[in-house]
Amino acid sequence: MASSSAGFVTGLTAAAMVTVGYLAYQASANVPADLAQPRAGKPAAAVSKAPRDVRHPAALPAGSGRGERVVYSLADDRVWLVAPGDKVLRTFAVTPGTVDPETGVYAVTSRSNRITGTDGALIEHVVRFADADGVTIGFSAAVDGSTMPPDRRTRAGGIRASRADGDAMWDFATIGQKVVVIR
């Protein structure tokens, strides 16, 4: 009796895995073309080198796009979560990985609630939006709250934020959300 129960459970598990695999394939095959890949735009000069307010370094850079978006400054290691009408909902400092995305306009392509980062740290609220030189680029927060710079010998695309800032990013940047990367 025990071996037939184990076989039954194995059969149900196999059937469930096949079903999940089929549904995942169907979901990926039916993603609209503009969400299936990052939308790498040809940035205008104003987007690639946005002017800064030297008296207010955390102010949203002029020329960083329009509408609801995430703005990520490579030069300032800073992120802005921007609502329609250029209303900044939140801005925060980040620790970049060792591989940067190109400047331009992207879209959030995938998200993971909790995974292990390239450095072995448990990370949460991963929001991916680009690929550069074979490395996936995305925002995340370490579960232990650390934001230490990555080992320069490792090719890492994780842009680390604090847990509170990672929570805000997770809530704001859903699939398809525009991400503007500026110098």
N, C-alpha and C. Protein backbone atom coordinates (compact mmCIF):
# COMPACT_ATOMS: atom_id res chain seq x y z
N MET A 1 0.82 -1.21 0.00
CA MET A 1 0.00 0.00 0.00
C MET A 1 0.86 1.26 0.00
N ALA A 2 1.96 1.25 0.76
CA ALA A 2 2.81 2.43 0.84
C ALA A 2 3.42 2.76 -0.51
N SER A 3 3.86 1.75 -1.27
CA SER A 3 4.49 2.05 -2.55
C SER A 3 3.47 2.57 -3.56
N SER A 4 2.24 2.12 -3.51
CA SER A 4 1.24 2.64 -4.44
C SER A 4 0.87 4.08 -4.08
N SER A 5 0.87 4.43 -2.80
CA SER A 5 0.61 5.81 -2.38
C SER A 5 1.74 6.72 -2.87
N ALA A 6 2.97 6.24 -2.74
CA ALA A 6 4.11 7.03 -3.20
C ALA A 6 4.03 7.23 -4.71
N GLY A 7 3.64 6.21 -5.44
CA GLY A 7 3.50 6.32 -6.89
C GLY A 7 2.41 7.30 -7.27
N PHE A 8 1.32 7.26 -6.52
CA PHE A 8 0.21 8.17 -6.76
C PHE A 8 0.65 9.63 -6.54
N VAL A 9 1.34 9.86 -5.43
CA VAL A 9 1.82 11.20 -5.12
C VAL A 9 2.83 11.66 -6.17
N THR A 10 3.72 10.76 -6.60
CA THR A 10 4.70 11.09 -7.63
C THR A 10 3.99 11.46 -8.93
N GLY A 11 2.97 10.71 -9.29
CA GLY A 11 2.21 10.99 -10.50
C GLY A 11 1.51 12.33 -10.43
N LEU A 12 0.89 12.64 -9.28
CA LEU A 12 0.24 13.94 -9.11
C LEU A 12 1.26 15.08 -9.20
N THR A 13 2.41 14.89 -8.58
CA THR A 13 3.46 15.92 -8.61
C THR A 13 3.93 16.14 -10.04
N ALA A 14 4.15 15.06 -10.77
CA ALA A 14 4.59 15.18 -12.16
C ALA A 14 3.54 15.90 -13.01
N ALA A 15 2.28 15.56 -12.82
CA ALA A 15 1.20 16.20 -13.56
C ALA A 15 1.13 17.70 -13.23
N ALA A 16 1.32 18.02 -11.96
CA ALA A 16 1.30 19.43 -11.55
C ALA A 16 2.46 20.19 -12.19
N MET A 17 3.64 19.59 -12.22
CA MET A 17 4.82 20.25 -12.81
C MET A 17 4.61 20.48 -14.31
N VAL A 18 4.04 19.50 -15.00
CA VAL A 18 3.78 19.64 -16.43
C VAL A 18 2.78 20.77 -16.66
N THR A 19 1.74 20.82 -15.83
CA THR A 19 0.73 21.87 -15.96
C THR A 19 1.33 23.25 -15.73
N VAL A 20 2.14 23.39 -14.67
CA VAL A 20 2.78 24.68 -14.37
C VAL A 20 3.72 25.07 -15.52
N GLY A 21 4.48 24.13 -16.02
CA GLY A 21 5.38 24.41 -17.14
C GLY A 21 4.62 24.87 -18.37
N TYR A 22 3.51 24.20 -18.68
CA TYR A 22 2.69 24.57 -19.82
C TYR A 22 2.12 25.98 -19.64
N LEU A 23 1.60 26.27 -18.45
CA LEU A 23 1.03 27.59 -18.19
C LEU A 23 2.10 28.68 -18.25
N ALA A 24 3.30 28.39 -17.75
CA ALA A 24 4.39 29.36 -17.82
C ALA A 24 4.76 29.64 -19.28
N TYR A 25 4.81 28.57 -20.08
CA TYR A 25 5.11 28.74 -21.50
C TYR A 25 4.03 29.60 -22.16
N GLN A 26 2.76 29.30 -21.89
CA GLN A 26 1.67 30.07 -22.48
C GLN A 26 1.76 31.54 -22.08
N ALA A 27 2.08 31.80 -20.81
CA ALA A 27 2.19 33.18 -20.35
C ALA A 27 3.32 33.90 -21.06
N SER A 28 4.47 33.24 -21.21
CA SER A 28 5.60 33.90 -21.86
C SER A 28 5.35 34.06 -23.36
N ALA A 29 4.63 33.14 -23.96
CA ALA A 29 4.37 33.23 -25.40
C ALA A 29 3.35 34.31 -25.73
N ASN A 30 2.56 34.72 -24.75
CA ASN A 30 1.51 35.70 -25.00
C ASN A 30 1.79 37.07 -24.41
N VAL A 31 3.04 37.33 -24.01
CA VAL A 31 3.40 38.63 -23.49
C VAL A 31 3.46 39.61 -24.66
N PRO A 32 2.85 40.79 -24.52
CA PRO A 32 2.94 41.77 -25.60
C PRO A 32 4.40 42.07 -25.92
N ALA A 33 4.69 42.31 -27.19
CA ALA A 33 6.07 42.51 -27.65
C ALA A 33 6.76 43.63 -26.90
N ASP A 34 6.02 44.69 -26.54
CA ASP A 34 6.68 45.81 -25.87
C ASP A 34 7.01 45.53 -24.41
N LEU A 35 6.53 44.42 -23.86
CA LEU A 35 6.88 44.05 -22.49
C LEU A 35 7.83 42.86 -22.45
N ALA A 36 7.99 42.16 -23.54
CA ALA A 36 8.82 40.96 -23.54
C ALA A 36 10.29 41.28 -23.41
N GLN A 37 10.73 42.40 -23.94
CA GLN A 37 12.14 42.80 -23.88
C GLN A 37 12.21 44.22 -23.34
N PRO A 38 13.35 44.57 -22.73
CA PRO A 38 13.50 45.96 -22.29
C PRO A 38 13.35 46.90 -23.49
N ARG A 39 12.74 48.04 -23.25
CA ARG A 39 12.60 49.02 -24.32
C ARG A 39 13.79 49.97 -24.24
N ALA A 40 14.84 49.59 -24.89
CA ALA A 40 16.03 50.44 -24.89
C ALA A 40 15.82 51.55 -25.90
N GLY A 41 15.73 52.75 -25.40
CA GLY A 41 15.51 53.88 -26.29
C GLY A 41 16.82 54.51 -26.69
N LYS A 42 16.75 55.31 -27.69
CA LYS A 42 17.89 56.14 -28.06
C LYS A 42 17.69 57.44 -27.29
N PRO A 43 18.42 57.61 -26.18
CA PRO A 43 18.17 58.76 -25.33
C PRO A 43 18.55 60.08 -25.99
N ALA A 44 17.74 61.07 -25.71
CA ALA A 44 18.08 62.42 -26.16
C ALA A 44 19.24 62.91 -25.31
N ALA A 45 19.94 63.92 -25.78
CA ALA A 45 21.09 64.44 -25.05
C ALA A 45 20.70 64.86 -23.64
N ALA A 46 19.49 65.42 -23.48
CA ALA A 46 19.05 65.87 -22.17
C ALA A 46 18.90 64.69 -21.21
N VAL A 47 18.53 63.52 -21.71
CA VAL A 47 18.36 62.36 -20.85
C VAL A 47 19.71 61.79 -20.44
N SER A 48 20.68 61.78 -21.36
CA SER A 48 21.95 61.15 -21.05
C SER A 48 22.79 61.97 -20.07
N LYS A 49 22.67 63.28 -20.08
CA LYS A 49 23.41 64.12 -19.14
C LYS A 49 22.47 65.20 -18.63
N ALA A 50 21.61 64.80 -17.68
CA ALA A 50 20.61 65.71 -17.15
C ALA A 50 21.26 66.74 -16.22
N PRO A 51 20.86 68.02 -16.35
CA PRO A 51 21.44 69.04 -15.47
C PRO A 51 21.00 68.85 -14.03
N ARG A 52 21.86 69.23 -13.10
CA ARG A 52 21.57 69.05 -11.68
C ARG A 52 21.37 70.40 -11.00
N ASP A 53 20.55 70.38 -9.96
CA ASP A 53 20.38 71.55 -9.10
C ASP A 53 21.44 71.43 -8.00
N VAL A 54 22.52 72.22 -8.11
CA VAL A 54 23.63 72.07 -7.18
C VAL A 54 23.26 72.43 -5.75
N ARG A 55 22.24 73.26 -5.58
CA ARG A 55 21.81 73.61 -4.21
C ARG A 55 20.94 72.51 -3.60
N HIS A 56 20.32 71.67 -4.45
CA HIS A 56 19.45 70.59 -3.98
C HIS A 56 19.82 69.31 -4.73
N PRO A 57 20.89 68.63 -4.30
CA PRO A 57 21.37 67.47 -5.05
C PRO A 57 20.37 66.31 -5.14
N ALA A 58 19.39 66.26 -4.25
CA ALA A 58 18.40 65.19 -4.30
C ALA A 58 17.20 65.55 -5.16
N ALA A 59 17.20 66.77 -5.73
CA ALA A 59 16.09 67.21 -6.59
C ALA A 59 16.08 66.39 -7.88
N LEU A 60 14.90 66.15 -8.41
CA LEU A 60 14.75 65.42 -9.67
C LEU A 60 15.49 66.16 -10.77
N PRO A 61 16.42 65.49 -11.47
CA PRO A 61 17.15 66.16 -12.55
C PRO A 61 16.22 66.60 -13.68
N ALA A 62 16.40 67.84 -14.14
CA ALA A 62 15.64 68.33 -15.29
C ALA A 62 16.02 67.48 -16.50
N GLY A 63 15.06 67.28 -17.38
CA GLY A 63 15.33 66.52 -18.60
C GLY A 63 15.43 65.02 -18.38
N SER A 64 14.86 64.52 -17.28
CA SER A 64 14.93 63.08 -16.98
C SER A 64 13.68 62.33 -17.42
N GLY A 65 12.96 62.91 -18.35
CA GLY A 65 11.78 62.23 -18.87
C GLY A 65 10.50 62.88 -18.39
N ARG A 66 9.39 62.22 -18.76
CA ARG A 66 8.07 62.72 -18.39
C ARG A 66 7.20 61.56 -17.96
N GLY A 67 6.17 61.88 -17.21
CA GLY A 67 5.21 60.87 -16.79
C GLY A 67 5.72 60.03 -15.62
N GLU A 68 4.93 59.04 -15.29
CA GLU A 68 5.28 58.14 -14.19
C GLU A 68 6.50 57.32 -14.60
N ARG A 69 7.51 57.28 -13.71
CA ARG A 69 8.74 56.59 -14.07
C ARG A 69 9.65 56.42 -12.86
N VAL A 70 10.64 55.56 -13.03
CA VAL A 70 11.77 55.45 -12.12
C VAL A 70 12.92 56.13 -12.83
N VAL A 71 13.62 57.01 -12.14
CA VAL A 71 14.81 57.66 -12.70
C VAL A 71 16.00 57.16 -11.90
N TYR A 72 17.02 56.66 -12.62
CA TYR A 72 18.23 56.16 -11.99
C TYR A 72 19.42 56.93 -12.54
N SER A 73 20.14 57.64 -11.66
CA SER A 73 21.31 58.40 -12.05
C SER A 73 22.57 57.60 -11.77
N LEU A 74 23.30 57.30 -12.84
CA LEU A 74 24.56 56.57 -12.70
C LEU A 74 25.61 57.42 -11.98
N ALA A 75 25.66 58.71 -12.27
CA ALA A 75 26.66 59.58 -11.68
C ALA A 75 26.41 59.85 -10.20
N ASP A 76 25.15 59.90 -9.82
CA ASP A 76 24.80 60.25 -8.44
C ASP A 76 24.46 59.04 -7.57
N ASP A 77 24.38 57.84 -8.17
CA ASP A 77 23.95 56.64 -7.43
C ASP A 77 22.68 56.96 -6.65
N ARG A 78 21.68 57.47 -7.36
CA ARG A 78 20.43 57.89 -6.75
C ARG A 78 19.27 57.49 -7.63
N VAL A 79 18.14 57.21 -6.99
CA VAL A 79 16.90 56.82 -7.67
C VAL A 79 15.79 57.77 -7.24
N TRP A 80 14.92 58.09 -8.19
CA TRP A 80 13.71 58.86 -7.91
C TRP A 80 12.52 58.04 -8.39
N LEU A 81 11.49 57.93 -7.57
CA LEU A 81 10.22 57.33 -7.98
C LEU A 81 9.30 58.50 -8.27
N VAL A 82 8.89 58.62 -9.53
CA VAL A 82 8.21 59.83 -9.99
C VAL A 82 6.78 59.50 -10.44
N ALA A 83 5.82 60.21 -9.86
CA ALA A 83 4.41 60.07 -10.22
C ALA A 83 4.11 61.00 -11.40
N PRO A 84 2.94 60.84 -12.03
CA PRO A 84 2.57 61.78 -13.11
C PRO A 84 2.67 63.23 -12.62
N GLY A 85 3.02 64.11 -13.53
CA GLY A 85 3.17 65.52 -13.17
C GLY A 85 4.52 65.81 -12.54
N ASP A 86 5.47 64.90 -12.67
CA ASP A 86 6.83 65.04 -12.11
C ASP A 86 6.84 65.20 -10.60
N LYS A 87 5.87 64.62 -9.92
CA LYS A 87 5.84 64.65 -8.46
C LYS A 87 6.73 63.51 -7.94
N VAL A 88 7.78 63.87 -7.22
CA VAL A 88 8.69 62.87 -6.66
C VAL A 88 8.05 62.27 -5.42
N LEU A 89 7.78 60.96 -5.50
CA LEU A 89 7.20 60.25 -4.36
C LEU A 89 8.26 59.86 -3.34
N ARG A 90 9.47 59.56 -3.88
CA ARG A 90 10.56 59.14 -3.00
C ARG A 90 11.86 59.23 -3.79
N THR A 91 12.93 59.58 -3.10
CA THR A 91 14.26 59.53 -3.68
C THR A 91 15.19 58.91 -2.65
N PHE A 92 16.17 58.16 -3.14
CA PHE A 92 17.08 57.49 -2.22
C PHE A 92 18.39 57.13 -2.90
N ALA A 93 19.43 57.03 -2.10
CA ALA A 93 20.74 56.63 -2.58
C ALA A 93 20.77 55.11 -2.75
N VAL A 94 21.56 54.65 -3.72
CA VAL A 94 21.73 53.22 -3.98
C VAL A 94 23.21 52.89 -4.10
N THR A 95 23.51 51.62 -3.99
CA THR A 95 24.87 51.12 -4.22
C THR A 95 24.83 50.31 -5.50
N PRO A 96 25.51 50.79 -6.55
CA PRO A 96 25.43 50.09 -7.84
C PRO A 96 26.25 48.81 -7.85
N GLY A 97 25.92 47.95 -8.82
CA GLY A 97 26.71 46.75 -9.06
C GLY A 97 27.98 47.14 -9.81
N THR A 98 28.66 46.15 -10.34
CA THR A 98 29.90 46.42 -11.08
C THR A 98 29.65 46.62 -12.57
N VAL A 99 28.44 46.33 -13.04
CA VAL A 99 28.08 46.52 -14.45
C VAL A 99 26.91 47.49 -14.48
N ASP A 100 27.07 48.59 -15.23
CA ASP A 100 26.02 49.60 -15.34
C ASP A 100 25.23 49.41 -16.63
N PRO A 101 23.94 49.78 -16.60
CA PRO A 101 23.18 49.80 -17.85
C PRO A 101 23.59 51.02 -18.67
N GLU A 102 23.30 50.98 -19.96
CA GLU A 102 23.49 52.15 -20.81
C GLU A 102 22.44 53.18 -20.43
N THR A 103 22.73 54.46 -20.68
CA THR A 103 21.69 55.46 -20.47
C THR A 103 20.58 55.22 -21.49
N GLY A 104 19.36 55.52 -21.12
CA GLY A 104 18.24 55.33 -22.01
C GLY A 104 16.97 55.04 -21.25
N VAL A 105 15.95 54.66 -21.99
CA VAL A 105 14.64 54.38 -21.42
C VAL A 105 14.37 52.88 -21.53
N TYR A 106 13.99 52.28 -20.42
CA TYR A 106 13.73 50.84 -20.32
C TYR A 106 12.35 50.62 -19.72
N ALA A 107 11.97 49.37 -19.60
CA ALA A 107 10.75 49.00 -18.89
C ALA A 107 11.09 47.84 -17.95
N VAL A 108 10.42 47.78 -16.82
CA VAL A 108 10.59 46.65 -15.90
C VAL A 108 10.13 45.40 -16.63
N THR A 109 11.01 44.40 -16.69
CA THR A 109 10.71 43.18 -17.44
C THR A 109 10.39 41.99 -16.55
N SER A 110 10.93 41.97 -15.33
CA SER A 110 10.62 40.86 -14.42
C SER A 110 10.88 41.28 -12.99
N ARG A 111 10.30 40.51 -12.08
CA ARG A 111 10.44 40.79 -10.65
C ARG A 111 10.54 39.46 -9.89
N SER A 112 11.26 39.47 -8.80
CA SER A 112 11.34 38.30 -7.92
C SER A 112 11.23 38.79 -6.49
N ASN A 113 10.39 38.12 -5.72
CA ASN A 113 10.20 38.54 -4.33
C ASN A 113 11.44 38.30 -3.49
N ARG A 114 12.07 37.11 -3.64
CA ARG A 114 13.24 36.80 -2.83
C ARG A 114 14.11 35.77 -3.56
N ILE A 115 15.39 36.10 -3.71
CA ILE A 115 16.35 35.20 -4.36
C ILE A 115 17.72 35.38 -3.71
N THR A 116 18.68 34.60 -4.17
CA THR A 116 20.07 34.77 -3.74
C THR A 116 20.80 35.60 -4.78
N GLY A 117 21.48 36.65 -4.33
CA GLY A 117 22.22 37.52 -5.24
C GLY A 117 23.52 36.90 -5.70
N THR A 118 24.18 37.54 -6.65
CA THR A 118 25.45 37.01 -7.17
C THR A 118 26.52 36.96 -6.08
N ASP A 119 26.36 37.77 -5.04
CA ASP A 119 27.32 37.77 -3.93
C ASP A 119 26.96 36.75 -2.85
N GLY A 120 25.90 35.98 -3.08
CA GLY A 120 25.50 34.97 -2.10
C GLY A 120 24.55 35.49 -1.03
N ALA A 121 24.29 36.79 -1.02
CA ALA A 121 23.37 37.38 -0.03
C ALA A 121 21.93 37.11 -0.43
N LEU A 122 21.08 36.90 0.56
CA LEU A 122 19.65 36.76 0.32
C LEU A 122 19.11 38.15 0.03
N ILE A 123 18.48 38.33 -1.13
CA ILE A 123 17.94 39.64 -1.51
C ILE A 123 16.45 39.53 -1.78
N GLU A 124 15.77 40.66 -1.64
CA GLU A 124 14.32 40.68 -1.86
C GLU A 124 13.94 41.84 -2.76
N HIS A 125 12.72 41.76 -3.25
CA HIS A 125 12.13 42.81 -4.07
C HIS A 125 13.02 43.19 -5.25
N VAL A 126 13.35 42.18 -6.03
CA VAL A 126 14.20 42.37 -7.20
C VAL A 126 13.34 42.87 -8.36
N VAL A 127 13.74 43.99 -8.94
CA VAL A 127 13.02 44.62 -10.05
C VAL A 127 14.02 44.75 -11.20
N ARG A 128 13.89 43.89 -12.22
CA ARG A 128 14.84 43.87 -13.33
C ARG A 128 14.33 44.70 -14.49
N PHE A 129 15.27 45.39 -15.15
CA PHE A 129 14.86 46.26 -16.26
C PHE A 129 15.82 46.28 -17.44
N ALA A 130 17.01 45.73 -17.34
CA ALA A 130 17.97 45.83 -18.45
C ALA A 130 18.96 44.68 -18.42
N ASP A 131 19.67 44.55 -19.52
CA ASP A 131 20.81 43.63 -19.63
C ASP A 131 21.96 44.43 -20.21
N ALA A 132 23.16 44.20 -19.70
CA ALA A 132 24.35 44.87 -20.22
C ALA A 132 25.50 43.88 -20.21
N ASP A 133 26.07 43.65 -21.37
CA ASP A 133 27.21 42.73 -21.49
C ASP A 133 26.90 41.37 -20.88
N GLY A 134 25.68 40.87 -21.09
CA GLY A 134 25.30 39.55 -20.59
C GLY A 134 24.95 39.51 -19.11
N VAL A 135 24.85 40.67 -18.47
CA VAL A 135 24.52 40.74 -17.05
C VAL A 135 23.16 41.41 -16.90
N THR A 136 22.29 40.79 -16.12
CA THR A 136 20.96 41.37 -15.86
C THR A 136 21.09 42.48 -14.83
N ILE A 137 20.43 43.59 -15.10
CA ILE A 137 20.49 44.77 -14.24
C ILE A 137 19.14 44.95 -13.56
N GLY A 138 19.17 45.19 -12.24
CA GLY A 138 17.93 45.42 -11.52
C GLY A 138 18.17 45.98 -10.13
N PHE A 139 17.11 46.50 -9.56
CA PHE A 139 17.13 47.03 -8.20
C PHE A 139 16.78 45.93 -7.22
N SER A 140 17.34 45.98 -6.00
CA SER A 140 17.02 45.00 -4.98
C SER A 140 17.44 45.53 -3.61
N ALA A 141 17.09 44.76 -2.58
CA ALA A 141 17.51 45.08 -1.22
C ALA A 141 17.95 43.79 -0.55
N ALA A 142 19.06 43.85 0.19
CA ALA A 142 19.52 42.68 0.93
C ALA A 142 18.63 42.50 2.15
N VAL A 143 18.25 41.26 2.43
CA VAL A 143 17.38 40.98 3.56
C VAL A 143 18.03 41.42 4.87
N ASP A 144 19.37 41.32 4.95
CA ASP A 144 20.05 41.74 6.19
C ASP A 144 20.23 43.26 6.26
N GLY A 145 19.76 43.97 5.23
CA GLY A 145 19.82 45.43 5.22
C GLY A 145 21.14 46.01 4.73
N SER A 146 22.10 45.18 4.40
CA SER A 146 23.41 45.69 3.98
C SER A 146 23.34 46.31 2.58
N THR A 147 24.18 47.29 2.36
CA THR A 147 24.30 47.92 1.05
C THR A 147 25.78 48.07 0.70
N MET A 148 26.57 47.09 1.09
CA MET A 148 28.01 47.12 0.82
C MET A 148 28.27 47.05 -0.67
N PRO A 149 29.31 47.74 -1.15
CA PRO A 149 29.66 47.65 -2.57
C PRO A 149 30.04 46.22 -2.93
N PRO A 150 29.73 45.80 -4.16
CA PRO A 150 30.07 44.43 -4.57
C PRO A 150 31.57 44.26 -4.79
N ASP A 151 32.00 43.03 -4.78
CA ASP A 151 33.39 42.69 -5.09
C ASP A 151 33.65 43.08 -6.54
N ARG A 152 34.62 43.91 -6.79
CA ARG A 152 34.93 44.42 -8.13
C ARG A 152 35.38 43.32 -9.09
N ARG A 153 35.74 42.16 -8.57
CA ARG A 153 36.14 41.04 -9.43
C ARG A 153 34.93 40.27 -9.95
N THR A 154 33.74 40.60 -9.45
CA THR A 154 32.51 39.91 -9.84
C THR A 154 31.69 40.81 -10.77
N ARG A 155 31.12 40.21 -11.80
CA ARG A 155 30.23 40.96 -12.70
C ARG A 155 28.82 40.89 -12.11
N ALA A 156 28.39 42.00 -11.54
CA ALA A 156 27.10 42.04 -10.86
C ALA A 156 26.28 43.23 -11.34
N GLY A 157 25.01 43.01 -11.60
CA GLY A 157 24.12 44.07 -12.06
C GLY A 157 23.12 44.53 -11.02
N GLY A 158 23.27 44.03 -9.80
CA GLY A 158 22.34 44.41 -8.74
C GLY A 158 22.60 45.81 -8.23
N ILE A 159 21.56 46.61 -8.18
CA ILE A 159 21.63 47.97 -7.65
C ILE A 159 20.94 47.91 -6.29
N ARG A 160 21.71 47.95 -5.22
CA ARG A 160 21.17 47.72 -3.87
C ARG A 160 20.65 48.99 -3.23
N ALA A 161 19.53 48.82 -2.56
CA ALA A 161 18.90 49.89 -1.78
C ALA A 161 18.66 49.36 -0.37
N SER A 162 18.29 50.25 0.54
CA SER A 162 17.92 49.80 1.88
C SER A 162 16.62 48.99 1.77
N ARG A 163 16.27 48.28 2.82
CA ARG A 163 15.04 47.49 2.77
C ARG A 163 13.81 48.38 2.60
N ALA A 164 13.77 49.52 3.30
CA ALA A 164 12.61 50.41 3.18
C ALA A 164 12.50 50.97 1.76
N ASP A 165 13.64 51.34 1.18
CA ASP A 165 13.63 51.86 -0.19
C ASP A 165 13.31 50.73 -1.18
N GLY A 166 13.80 49.53 -0.91
CA GLY A 166 13.46 48.37 -1.74
C GLY A 166 11.97 48.07 -1.71
N ASP A 167 11.34 48.22 -0.54
CA ASP A 167 9.89 48.04 -0.42
C ASP A 167 9.16 49.06 -1.30
N ALA A 168 9.61 50.32 -1.23
CA ALA A 168 8.97 51.37 -2.03
C ALA A 168 9.13 51.09 -3.52
N MET A 169 10.32 50.65 -3.94
CA MET A 169 10.55 50.31 -5.34
C MET A 169 9.62 49.18 -5.76
N TRP A 170 9.51 48.15 -4.93
CA TRP A 170 8.68 46.98 -5.22
C TRP A 170 7.23 47.39 -5.45
N ASP A 171 6.74 48.27 -4.60
CA ASP A 171 5.35 48.72 -4.72
C ASP A 171 5.14 49.59 -5.96
N PHE A 172 6.15 50.37 -6.34
CA PHE A 172 6.01 51.32 -7.44
C PHE A 172 6.30 50.71 -8.80
N ALA A 173 7.35 49.92 -8.90
CA ALA A 173 7.86 49.48 -10.21
C ALA A 173 7.35 48.09 -10.58
N THR A 174 6.13 48.04 -11.08
CA THR A 174 5.55 46.79 -11.53
C THR A 174 5.98 46.52 -12.98
N ILE A 175 5.64 45.35 -13.49
CA ILE A 175 6.01 44.98 -14.86
C ILE A 175 5.53 46.05 -15.84
N GLY A 176 6.44 46.48 -16.70
CA GLY A 176 6.13 47.50 -17.70
C GLY A 176 6.42 48.93 -17.26
N GLN A 177 6.68 49.16 -15.97
CA GLN A 177 6.97 50.52 -15.48
C GLN A 177 8.20 51.07 -16.19
N LYS A 178 8.14 52.32 -16.60
CA LYS A 178 9.26 52.97 -17.30
C LYS A 178 10.40 53.23 -16.31
N VAL A 179 11.64 52.94 -16.76
CA VAL A 179 12.85 53.23 -16.01
C VAL A 179 13.74 54.06 -16.93
N VAL A 180 14.10 55.26 -16.47
CA VAL A 180 14.96 56.15 -17.23
C VAL A 180 16.34 56.17 -16.55
N VAL A 181 17.35 55.78 -17.31
CA VAL A 181 18.72 55.78 -16.78
C VAL A 181 19.43 56.98 -17.37
N ILE A 182 19.96 57.82 -16.47
CA ILE A 182 20.68 59.03 -16.89
C ILE A 182 22.12 58.97 -16.39
N ARG A 183 22.96 59.77 -16.99
CA ARG A 183 24.35 59.84 -16.54
C ARG A 183 24.37 60.67 -15.28
